[in-house]
PDB file of N, CA and C in Angstrom:
ATOM      1  N   MET A   1       0.158 -20.589  -8.661  1.00  0.00           N
ATOM      2  CA  MET A   1       0.331 -19.785  -7.478  1.00  0.00           C
ATOM      3  C   MET A   1      -0.745 -18.708  -7.446  1.00  0.00           C
ATOM      4  N   ALA A   2      -1.351 -18.490  -6.307  1.00  0.00           N
ATOM      5  CA  ALA A   2      -2.428 -17.521  -6.155  1.00  0.00           C
ATOM      6  C   ALA A   2      -1.867 -16.101  -6.075  1.00  0.00           C
ATOM      7  N   THR A   3      -2.612 -15.165  -6.641  1.00  0.00           N
ATOM      8  CA  THR A   3      -2.266 -13.754  -6.526  1.00  0.00           C
ATOM      9  C   THR A   3      -2.554 -13.272  -5.112  1.00  0.00           C
ATOM     10  N   ALA A   4      -2.084 -12.058  -4.802  1.00  0.00           N
ATOM     11  CA  ALA A   4      -2.258 -11.522  -3.464  1.00  0.00           C
ATOM     12  C   ALA A   4      -2.665 -10.064  -3.534  1.00  0.00           C
ATOM     13  N   LEU A   5      -3.398  -9.639  -2.536  1.00  0.00           N
ATOM     14  CA  LEU A   5      -3.814  -8.251  -2.415  1.00  0.00           C
ATOM     15  C   LEU A   5      -3.041  -7.574  -1.282  1.00  0.00           C
ATOM     16  N   TRP A   6      -2.494  -6.409  -1.582  1.00  0.00           N
ATOM     17  CA  TRP A   6      -1.822  -5.553  -0.612  1.00  0.00           C
ATOM     18  C   TRP A   6      -2.875  -4.507  -0.254  1.00  0.00           C
ATOM     19  N   ILE A   7      -3.311  -4.482   1.006  1.00  0.00           N
ATOM     20  CA  ILE A   7      -4.402  -3.593   1.425  1.00  0.00           C
ATOM     21  C   ILE A   7      -3.873  -2.648   2.507  1.00  0.00           C
ATOM     22  N   ALA A   8      -3.945  -1.359   2.205  1.00  0.00           N
ATOM     23  CA  ALA A   8      -3.488  -0.351   3.151  1.00  0.00           C
ATOM     24  C   ALA A   8      -4.640   0.569   3.509  1.00  0.00           C
ATOM     25  N   ASN A   9      -4.772   0.862   4.804  1.00  0.00           N
ATOM     26  CA  ASN A   9      -5.734   1.832   5.315  1.00  0.00           C
ATOM     27  C   ASN A   9      -4.915   2.902   5.983  1.00  0.00           C
ATOM     28  N   VAL A  10      -5.061   4.144   5.523  1.00  0.00           N
ATOM     29  CA  VAL A  10      -4.121   5.208   5.898  1.00  0.00           C
ATOM     30  C   VAL A  10      -4.851   6.491   6.319  1.00  0.00           C
ATOM     31  N   HIS A  11      -4.342   7.096   7.389  1.00  0.00           N
ATOM     32  CA  HIS A  11      -4.728   8.467   7.753  1.00  0.00           C
ATOM     33  C   HIS A  11      -3.472   9.306   7.557  1.00  0.00           C
ATOM     34  N   VAL A  12      -3.511  10.239   6.635  1.00  0.00           N
ATOM     35  CA  VAL A  12      -2.369  11.075   6.301  1.00  0.00           C
ATOM     36  C   VAL A  12      -2.345  12.271   7.250  1.00  0.00           C
ATOM     37  N   THR A  13      -1.196  12.494   7.897  1.00  0.00           N
ATOM     38  CA  THR A  13      -1.028  13.636   8.800  1.00  0.00           C
ATOM     39  C   THR A  13      -0.109  14.710   8.235  1.00  0.00           C
ATOM     40  N   ASP A  14       0.665  14.376   7.201  1.00  0.00           N
ATOM     41  CA  ASP A  14       1.559  15.340   6.540  1.00  0.00           C
ATOM     42  C   ASP A  14       1.503  15.054   5.045  1.00  0.00           C
ATOM     43  N   ALA A  15       0.657  15.820   4.338  1.00  0.00           N
ATOM     44  CA  ALA A  15       0.419  15.540   2.913  1.00  0.00           C
ATOM     45  C   ALA A  15       1.664  15.686   2.067  1.00  0.00           C
ATOM     46  N   GLU A  16       2.513  16.638   2.356  1.00  0.00           N
ATOM     47  CA  GLU A  16       3.721  16.849   1.547  1.00  0.00           C
ATOM     48  C   GLU A  16       4.671  15.655   1.651  1.00  0.00           C
ATOM     49  N   ALA A  17       4.961  15.231   2.872  1.00  0.00           N
ATOM     50  CA  ALA A  17       5.836  14.073   3.053  1.00  0.00           C
ATOM     51  C   ALA A  17       5.196  12.808   2.496  1.00  0.00           C
ATOM     52  N   TYR A  18       3.887  12.660   2.680  1.00  0.00           N
ATOM     53  CA  TYR A  18       3.210  11.469   2.189  1.00  0.00           C
ATOM     54  C   TYR A  18       3.225  11.420   0.668  1.00  0.00           C
ATOM     55  N   GLY A  19       3.179  12.572   0.035  1.00  0.00           N
ATOM     56  CA  GLY A  19       3.288  12.630  -1.425  1.00  0.00           C
ATOM     57  C   GLY A  19       4.612  12.079  -1.916  1.00  0.00           C
ATOM     58  N   LYS A  20       5.694  12.335  -1.162  1.00  0.00           N
ATOM     59  CA  LYS A  20       6.997  11.766  -1.519  1.00  0.00           C
ATOM     60  C   LYS A  20       6.976  10.251  -1.378  1.00  0.00           C
ATOM     61  N   TYR A  21       6.315   9.785  -0.310  1.00  0.00           N
ATOM     62  CA  TYR A  21       6.166   8.341  -0.142  1.00  0.00           C
ATOM     63  C   TYR A  21       5.416   7.741  -1.344  1.00  0.00           C
ATOM     64  N   ALA A  22       4.273   8.354  -1.690  1.00  0.00           N
ATOM     65  CA  ALA A  22       3.435   7.811  -2.756  1.00  0.00           C
ATOM     66  C   ALA A  22       4.190   7.715  -4.071  1.00  0.00           C
ATOM     67  N   ALA A  23       4.995   8.700  -4.376  1.00  0.00           N
ATOM     68  CA  ALA A  23       5.752   8.669  -5.640  1.00  0.00           C
ATOM     69  C   ALA A  23       6.742   7.502  -5.654  1.00  0.00           C
ATOM     70  N   GLY A  24       7.482   7.340  -4.593  1.00  0.00           N
ATOM     71  CA  GLY A  24       8.456   6.241  -4.524  1.00  0.00           C
ATOM     72  C   GLY A  24       7.791   4.888  -4.420  1.00  0.00           C
ATOM     73  N   ALA A  25       6.692   4.803  -3.670  1.00  0.00           N
ATOM     74  CA  ALA A  25       5.981   3.533  -3.512  1.00  0.00           C
ATOM     75  C   ALA A  25       5.373   3.080  -4.830  1.00  0.00           C
ATOM     76  N   THR A  26       4.847   4.013  -5.619  1.00  0.00           N
ATOM     77  CA  THR A  26       4.270   3.678  -6.908  1.00  0.00           C
ATOM     78  C   THR A  26       5.284   2.966  -7.780  1.00  0.00           C
ATOM     79  N   ALA A  27       6.494   3.516  -7.867  1.00  0.00           N
ATOM     80  CA  ALA A  27       7.543   2.898  -8.685  1.00  0.00           C
ATOM     81  C   ALA A  27       7.954   1.541  -8.135  1.00  0.00           C
ATOM     82  N   ALA A  28       8.108   1.414  -6.840  1.00  0.00           N
ATOM     83  CA  ALA A  28       8.510   0.144  -6.237  1.00  0.00           C
ATOM     84  C   ALA A  28       7.462  -0.932  -6.455  1.00  0.00           C
ATOM     85  N   ILE A  29       6.197  -0.568  -6.282  1.00  0.00           N
ATOM     86  CA  ILE A  29       5.111  -1.534  -6.460  1.00  0.00           C
ATOM     87  C   ILE A  29       5.062  -1.994  -7.909  1.00  0.00           C
ATOM     88  N   ALA A  30       5.148  -1.077  -8.845  1.00  0.00           N
ATOM     89  CA  ALA A  30       5.126  -1.451 -10.262  1.00  0.00           C
ATOM     90  C   ALA A  30       6.330  -2.347 -10.617  1.00  0.00           C
ATOM     91  N   ALA A  31       7.492  -2.050 -10.060  1.00  0.00           N
ATOM     92  CA  ALA A  31       8.684  -2.853 -10.328  1.00  0.00           C
ATOM     93  C   ALA A  31       8.551  -4.296  -9.850  1.00  0.00           C
ATOM     94  N   HIS A  32       7.665  -4.518  -8.886  1.00  0.00           N
ATOM     95  CA  HIS A  32       7.442  -5.875  -8.351  1.00  0.00           C
ATOM     96  C   HIS A  32       6.170  -6.502  -8.912  1.00  0.00           C
ATOM     97  N   GLY A  33       5.655  -5.948 -10.004  1.00  0.00           N
ATOM     98  CA  GLY A  33       4.480  -6.535 -10.647  1.00  0.00           C
ATOM     99  C   GLY A  33       3.162  -6.158 -10.012  1.00  0.00           C
ATOM    100  N   GLY A  34       3.165  -5.177  -9.114  1.00  0.00           N
ATOM    101  CA  GLY A  34       1.936  -4.741  -8.474  1.00  0.00           C
ATOM    102  C   GLY A  34       1.113  -3.851  -9.381  1.00  0.00           C
ATOM    103  N   VAL A  35      -0.202  -4.000  -9.305  1.00  0.00           N
ATOM    104  CA  VAL A  35      -1.149  -3.200 -10.084  1.00  0.00           C
ATOM    105  C   VAL A  35      -2.191  -2.650  -9.126  1.00  0.00           C
ATOM    106  N   PHE A  36      -2.398  -1.330  -9.153  1.00  0.00           N
ATOM    107  CA  PHE A  36      -3.372  -0.724  -8.246  1.00  0.00           C
ATOM    108  C   PHE A  36      -4.805  -1.041  -8.709  1.00  0.00           C
ATOM    109  N   LEU A  37      -5.626  -1.485  -7.753  1.00  0.00           N
ATOM    110  CA  LEU A  37      -7.041  -1.722  -7.987  1.00  0.00           C
ATOM    111  C   LEU A  37      -7.875  -0.601  -7.380  1.00  0.00           C
ATOM    112  N   ALA A  38      -7.394  -0.028  -6.296  1.00  0.00           N
ATOM    113  CA  ALA A  38      -8.065   1.099  -5.638  1.00  0.00           C
ATOM    114  C   ALA A  38      -6.977   1.955  -5.022  1.00  0.00           C
ATOM    115  N   ARG A  39      -7.165   3.268  -5.123  1.00  0.00           N
ATOM    116  CA  ARG A  39      -6.154   4.173  -4.592  1.00  0.00           C
ATOM    117  C   ARG A  39      -6.866   5.457  -4.198  1.00  0.00           C
ATOM    118  N   GLY A  40      -7.276   5.526  -2.938  1.00  0.00           N
ATOM    119  CA  GLY A  40      -8.119   6.646  -2.521  1.00  0.00           C
ATOM    120  C   GLY A  40      -9.526   6.390  -3.034  1.00  0.00           C
ATOM    121  N   GLY A  41     -10.219   7.419  -3.393  1.00  0.00           N
ATOM    122  CA  GLY A  41     -11.551   7.275  -3.943  1.00  0.00           C
ATOM    123  C   GLY A  41     -12.626   7.071  -2.885  1.00  0.00           C
ATOM    124  N   ARG A  42     -13.819   6.925  -3.385  1.00  0.00           N
ATOM    125  CA  ARG A  42     -14.967   6.779  -2.484  1.00  0.00           C
ATOM    126  C   ARG A  42     -14.916   5.467  -1.712  1.00  0.00           C
ATOM    127  N   TYR A  43     -15.406   5.531  -0.485  1.00  0.00           N
ATOM    128  CA  TYR A  43     -15.512   4.325   0.345  1.00  0.00           C
ATOM    129  C   TYR A  43     -16.630   4.534   1.365  1.00  0.00           C
ATOM    130  N   VAL A  44     -17.081   3.443   1.959  1.00  0.00           N
ATOM    131  CA  VAL A  44     -18.052   3.477   3.041  1.00  0.00           C
ATOM    132  C   VAL A  44     -17.468   2.684   4.193  1.00  0.00           C
ATOM    133  N   GLN A  45     -17.263   3.330   5.331  1.00  0.00           N
ATOM    134  CA  GLN A  45     -16.707   2.676   6.513  1.00  0.00           C
ATOM    135  C   GLN A  45     -17.862   1.991   7.250  1.00  0.00           C
ATOM    136  N   LEU A  46     -17.829   0.671   7.319  1.00  0.00           N
ATOM    137  CA  LEU A  46     -18.913  -0.067   7.982  1.00  0.00           C
ATOM    138  C   LEU A  46     -18.521  -0.535   9.367  1.00  0.00           C
ATOM    139  N   GLU A  47     -17.257  -0.850   9.587  1.00  0.00           N
ATOM    140  CA  GLU A  47     -16.777  -1.285  10.887  1.00  0.00           C
ATOM    141  C   GLU A  47     -15.320  -0.874  11.051  1.00  0.00           C
ATOM    142  N   GLY A  48     -14.841  -0.867  12.274  1.00  0.00           N
ATOM    143  CA  GLY A  48     -13.423  -0.645  12.546  1.00  0.00           C
ATOM    144  C   GLY A  48     -12.993   0.815  12.414  1.00  0.00           C
ATOM    145  N   ASN A  49     -11.686   0.992  12.295  1.00  0.00           N
ATOM    146  CA  ASN A  49     -11.073   2.324  12.237  1.00  0.00           C
ATOM    147  C   ASN A  49     -11.301   2.982  10.898  1.00  0.00           C
ATOM    148  N   ASP A  50     -11.780   4.213  10.925  1.00  0.00           N
ATOM    149  CA  ASP A  50     -11.984   4.975   9.701  1.00  0.00           C
ATOM    150  C   ASP A  50     -10.673   5.650   9.311  1.00  0.00           C
ATOM    151  N   ARG A  51     -10.154   5.288   8.159  1.00  0.00           N
ATOM    152  CA  ARG A  51      -8.952   5.904   7.608  1.00  0.00           C
ATOM    153  C   ARG A  51      -9.329   6.428   6.235  1.00  0.00           C
ATOM    154  N   SER A  52      -9.044   7.660   5.955  1.00  0.00           N
ATOM    155  CA  SER A  52      -9.565   8.323   4.760  1.00  0.00           C
ATOM    156  C   SER A  52      -8.917   7.871   3.452  1.00  0.00           C
ATOM    157  N   ARG A  53      -7.789   7.170   3.535  1.00  0.00           N
ATOM    158  CA  ARG A  53      -7.132   6.708   2.297  1.00  0.00           C
ATOM    159  C   ARG A  53      -7.029   5.181   2.357  1.00  0.00           C
ATOM    160  N   ASN A  54      -7.602   4.561   1.342  1.00  0.00           N
ATOM    161  CA  ASN A  54      -7.608   3.095   1.235  1.00  0.00           C
ATOM    162  C   ASN A  54      -6.990   2.719  -0.096  1.00  0.00           C
ATOM    163  N   VAL A  55      -6.025   1.813  -0.042  1.00  0.00           N
ATOM    164  CA  VAL A  55      -5.280   1.429  -1.241  1.00  0.00           C
ATOM    165  C   VAL A  55      -5.268  -0.098  -1.354  1.00  0.00           C
ATOM    166  N   VAL A  56      -5.567  -0.598  -2.543  1.00  0.00           N
ATOM    167  CA  VAL A  56      -5.496  -2.036  -2.810  1.00  0.00           C
ATOM    168  C   VAL A  56      -4.679  -2.227  -4.082  1.00  0.00           C
ATOM    169  N   ALA A  57      -3.668  -3.083  -3.984  1.00  0.00           N
ATOM    170  CA  ALA A  57      -2.860  -3.436  -5.146  1.00  0.00           C
ATOM    171  C   ALA A  57      -2.798  -4.956  -5.262  1.00  0.00           C
ATOM    172  N   ARG A  58      -2.797  -5.460  -6.476  1.00  0.00           N
ATOM    173  CA  ARG A  58      -2.698  -6.907  -6.715  1.00  0.00           C
ATOM    174  C   ARG A  58      -1.248  -7.221  -7.115  1.00  0.00           C
ATOM    175  N   PHE A  59      -0.703  -8.266  -6.518  1.00  0.00           N
ATOM    176  CA  PHE A  59       0.636  -8.760  -6.831  1.00  0.00           C
ATOM    177  C   PHE A  59       0.540 -10.197  -7.331  1.00  0.00           C
ATOM    178  N   PRO A  60       1.567 -10.653  -8.036  1.00  0.00           N
ATOM    179  CA  PRO A  60       1.570 -12.034  -8.533  1.00  0.00           C
ATOM    180  C   PRO A  60       1.482 -13.099  -7.444  1.00  0.00           C
ATOM    181  N   SER A  61       1.944 -12.763  -6.215  1.00  0.00           N
ATOM    182  CA  SER A  61       1.923 -13.731  -5.118  1.00  0.00           C
ATOM    183  C   SER A  61       2.152 -12.999  -3.796  1.00  0.00           C
ATOM    184  N   VAL A  62       1.880 -13.670  -2.693  1.00  0.00           N
ATOM    185  CA  VAL A  62       2.190 -13.112  -1.366  1.00  0.00           C
ATOM    186  C   VAL A  62       3.681 -12.833  -1.272  1.00  0.00           C
ATOM    187  N   GLU A  63       4.485 -13.774  -1.774  1.00  0.00           N
ATOM    188  CA  GLU A  63       5.936 -13.606  -1.688  1.00  0.00           C
ATOM    189  C   GLU A  63       6.417 -12.384  -2.440  1.00  0.00           C
ATOM    190  N   THR A  64       5.837 -12.107  -3.594  1.00  0.00           N
ATOM    191  CA  THR A  64       6.220 -10.939  -4.379  1.00  0.00           C
ATOM    192  C   THR A  64       5.842  -9.650  -3.646  1.00  0.00           C
ATOM    193  N   ALA A  65       4.666  -9.628  -3.035  1.00  0.00           N
ATOM    194  CA  ALA A  65       4.231  -8.441  -2.289  1.00  0.00           C
ATOM    195  C   ALA A  65       5.147  -8.193  -1.096  1.00  0.00           C
ATOM    196  N   VAL A  66       5.503  -9.246  -0.386  1.00  0.00           N
ATOM    197  CA  VAL A  66       6.407  -9.098   0.770  1.00  0.00           C
ATOM    198  C   VAL A  66       7.798  -8.682   0.305  1.00  0.00           C
ATOM    199  N   ALA A  67       8.263  -9.232  -0.808  1.00  0.00           N
ATOM    200  CA  ALA A  67       9.564  -8.817  -1.361  1.00  0.00           C
ATOM    201  C   ALA A  67       9.541  -7.331  -1.742  1.00  0.00           C
ATOM    202  N   CYS A  68       8.432  -6.858  -2.270  1.00  0.00           N
ATOM    203  CA  CYS A  68       8.295  -5.436  -2.589  1.00  0.00           C
ATOM    204  C   CYS A  68       8.433  -4.627  -1.314  1.00  0.00           C
ATOM    205  N   TYR A  69       7.689  -4.985  -0.276  1.00  0.00           N
ATOM    206  CA  TYR A  69       7.732  -4.254   0.987  1.00  0.00           C
ATOM    207  C   TYR A  69       9.159  -4.195   1.548  1.00  0.00           C
ATOM    208  N   ASN A  70       9.879  -5.291   1.459  1.00  0.00           N
ATOM    209  CA  ASN A  70      11.225  -5.374   2.003  1.00  0.00           C
ATOM    210  C   ASN A  70      12.311  -4.809   1.093  1.00  0.00           C
ATOM    211  N   SER A  71      11.936  -4.431  -0.136  1.00  0.00           N
ATOM    212  CA  SER A  71      12.946  -3.928  -1.082  1.00  0.00           C
ATOM    213  C   SER A  71      13.506  -2.577  -0.645  1.00  0.00           C
ATOM    214  N   ALA A  72      14.715  -2.324  -1.070  1.00  0.00           N
ATOM    215  CA  ALA A  72      15.365  -1.036  -0.753  1.00  0.00           C
ATOM    216  C   ALA A  72      14.552   0.138  -1.293  1.00  0.00           C
ATOM    217  N   GLU A  73      13.977  -0.036  -2.490  1.00  0.00           N
ATOM    218  CA  GLU A  73      13.190   1.054  -3.104  1.00  0.00           C
ATOM    219  C   GLU A  73      11.943   1.394  -2.264  1.00  0.00           C
ATOM    220  N   TYR A  74      11.240   0.358  -1.834  1.00  0.00           N
ATOM    221  CA  TYR A  74      10.034   0.621  -1.059  1.00  0.00           C
ATOM    222  C   TYR A  74      10.398   1.167   0.329  1.00  0.00           C
ATOM    223  N   GLN A  75      11.418   0.615   0.950  1.00  0.00           N
ATOM    224  CA  GLN A  75      11.815   1.097   2.260  1.00  0.00           C
ATOM    225  C   GLN A  75      12.259   2.564   2.217  1.00  0.00           C
ATOM    226  N   ALA A  76      12.914   2.968   1.134  1.00  0.00           N
ATOM    227  CA  ALA A  76      13.293   4.369   0.965  1.00  0.00           C
ATOM    228  C   ALA A  76      12.028   5.244   0.896  1.00  0.00           C
ATOM    229  N   ALA A  77      11.038   4.795   0.140  1.00  0.00           N
ATOM    230  CA  ALA A  77       9.781   5.533   0.041  1.00  0.00           C
ATOM    231  C   ALA A  77       9.063   5.554   1.395  1.00  0.00           C
ATOM    232  N   LEU A  78       9.057   4.429   2.081  1.00  0.00           N
ATOM    233  CA  LEU A  78       8.377   4.301   3.364  1.00  0.00           C
ATOM    234  C   LEU A  78       8.930   5.256   4.417  1.00  0.00           C
ATOM    235  N   SER A  79      10.198   5.605   4.294  1.00  0.00           N
ATOM    236  CA  SER A  79      10.783   6.530   5.257  1.00  0.00           C
ATOM    237  C   SER A  79      10.061   7.872   5.259  1.00  0.00           C
ATOM    238  N   HIS A  80       9.427   8.229   4.134  1.00  0.00           N
ATOM    239  CA  HIS A  80       8.655   9.488   4.050  1.00  0.00           C
ATOM    240  C   HIS A  80       7.275   9.345   4.704  1.00  0.00           C
ATOM    241  N   ALA A  81       6.741   8.139   4.747  1.00  0.00           N
ATOM    242  CA  ALA A  81       5.408   7.917   5.319  1.00  0.00           C
ATOM    243  C   ALA A  81       5.467   7.839   6.843  1.00  0.00           C
ATOM    244  N   LYS A  82       6.579   7.385   7.382  1.00  0.00           N
ATOM    245  CA  LYS A  82       6.707   7.286   8.834  1.00  0.00           C
ATOM    246  C   LYS A  82       6.704   8.694   9.424  1.00  0.00           C
ATOM    247  N   GLY A  83       5.818   8.931  10.342  1.00  0.00           N
ATOM    248  CA  GLY A  83       5.668  10.259  10.920  1.00  0.00           C
ATOM    249  C   GLY A  83       4.731  11.143  10.108  1.00  0.00           C
ATOM    250  N   ALA A  84       4.342  10.712   8.917  1.00  0.00           N
ATOM    251  CA  ALA A  84       3.451  11.482   8.057  1.00  0.00           C
ATOM    252  C   ALA A  84       2.096  10.791   7.893  1.00  0.00           C
ATOM    253  N   SER A  85       1.936   9.652   8.576  1.00  0.00           N
ATOM    254  CA  SER A  85       0.688   8.897   8.422  1.00  0.00           C
ATOM    255  C   SER A  85       0.537   7.888   9.555  1.00  0.00           C
ATOM    256  N   ILE A  86      -0.700   7.458   9.727  1.00  0.00           N
ATOM    257  CA  ILE A  86      -1.029   6.326  10.589  1.00  0.00           C
ATOM    258  C   ILE A  86      -1.567   5.280   9.641  1.00  0.00           C
ATOM    259  N   ARG A  87      -0.932   4.091   9.632  1.00  0.00           N
ATOM    260  CA  ARG A  87      -1.223   3.105   8.583  1.00  0.00           C
ATOM    261  C   ARG A  87      -1.413   1.708   9.148  1.00  0.00           C
ATOM    262  N   ASP A  88      -2.264   0.982   8.471  1.00  0.00           N
ATOM    263  CA  ASP A  88      -2.355  -0.466   8.625  1.00  0.00           C
ATOM    264  C   ASP A  88      -2.093  -1.043   7.229  1.00  0.00           C
ATOM    265  N   LEU A  89      -1.316  -2.100   7.164  1.00  0.00           N
ATOM    266  CA  LEU A  89      -1.008  -2.731   5.865  1.00  0.00           C
ATOM    267  C   LEU A  89      -1.029  -4.229   6.048  1.00  0.00           C
ATOM    268  N   VAL A  90      -1.731  -4.912   5.167  1.00  0.00           N
ATOM    269  CA  VAL A  90      -1.803  -6.377   5.211  1.00  0.00           C
ATOM    270  C   VAL A  90      -1.712  -6.894   3.793  1.00  0.00           C
ATOM    271  N   VAL A  91      -1.118  -8.060   3.628  1.00  0.00           N
ATOM    272  CA  VAL A  91      -1.092  -8.772   2.350  1.00  0.00           C
ATOM    273  C   VAL A  91      -1.932 -10.037   2.530  1.00  0.00           C
ATOM    274  N   VAL A  92      -2.886 -10.228   1.623  1.00  0.00           N
ATOM    275  CA  VAL A  92      -3.813 -11.340   1.720  1.00  0.00           C
ATOM    276  C   VAL A  92      -3.808 -12.132   0.418  1.00  0.00           C
ATOM    277  N   GLU A  93      -3.617 -13.445   0.515  1.00  0.00           N
ATOM    278  CA  GLU A  93      -3.677 -14.286  -0.676  1.00  0.00           C
ATOM    279  C   GLU A  93      -5.102 -14.351  -1.184  1.00  0.00           C
ATOM    280  N   GLU A  94      -5.264 -14.221  -2.500  1.00  0.00           N
ATOM    281  CA  GLU A  94      -6.587 -14.298  -3.118  1.00  0.00           C
ATOM    282  C   GLU A  94      -7.009 -15.766  -3.281  1.00  0.00           C
ATOM    283  N   VAL A  95      -8.298 -15.972  -3.333  1.00  0.00           N
ATOM    284  CA  VAL A  95      -8.848 -17.293  -3.594  1.00  0.00           C
ATOM    285  C   VAL A  95      -8.657 -17.610  -5.063  1.00  0.00           C
ATOM    286  N   GLU A  96      -8.200 -18.813  -5.350  1.00  0.00           N
ATOM    287  CA  GLU A  96      -7.997 -19.204  -6.761  1.00  0.00           C
ATOM    288  C   GLU A  96      -9.308 -19.600  -7.392  1.00  0.00           C
TER     289      GLU A  96
END
């Protein structure tokens, strides 16, 4: 089974609330086998919408990443990000 990348592009509008999201999301992602490959840091915007926070995590599979997103733990964390950020999130299967 191919691994998957969880890719988020985020503009944070409320740093305090988003910090609560990040703490809860970190635990939920780890609990589902996710490993962060990029979390903030330097980037170069070449096309599309510029979002100052870019996050990439690797999961064992697309299904595992989606299960993480739908989990009670992640949804509880996500409640802090809603209204505190503008986000795009996609899960992409990696090439084997």
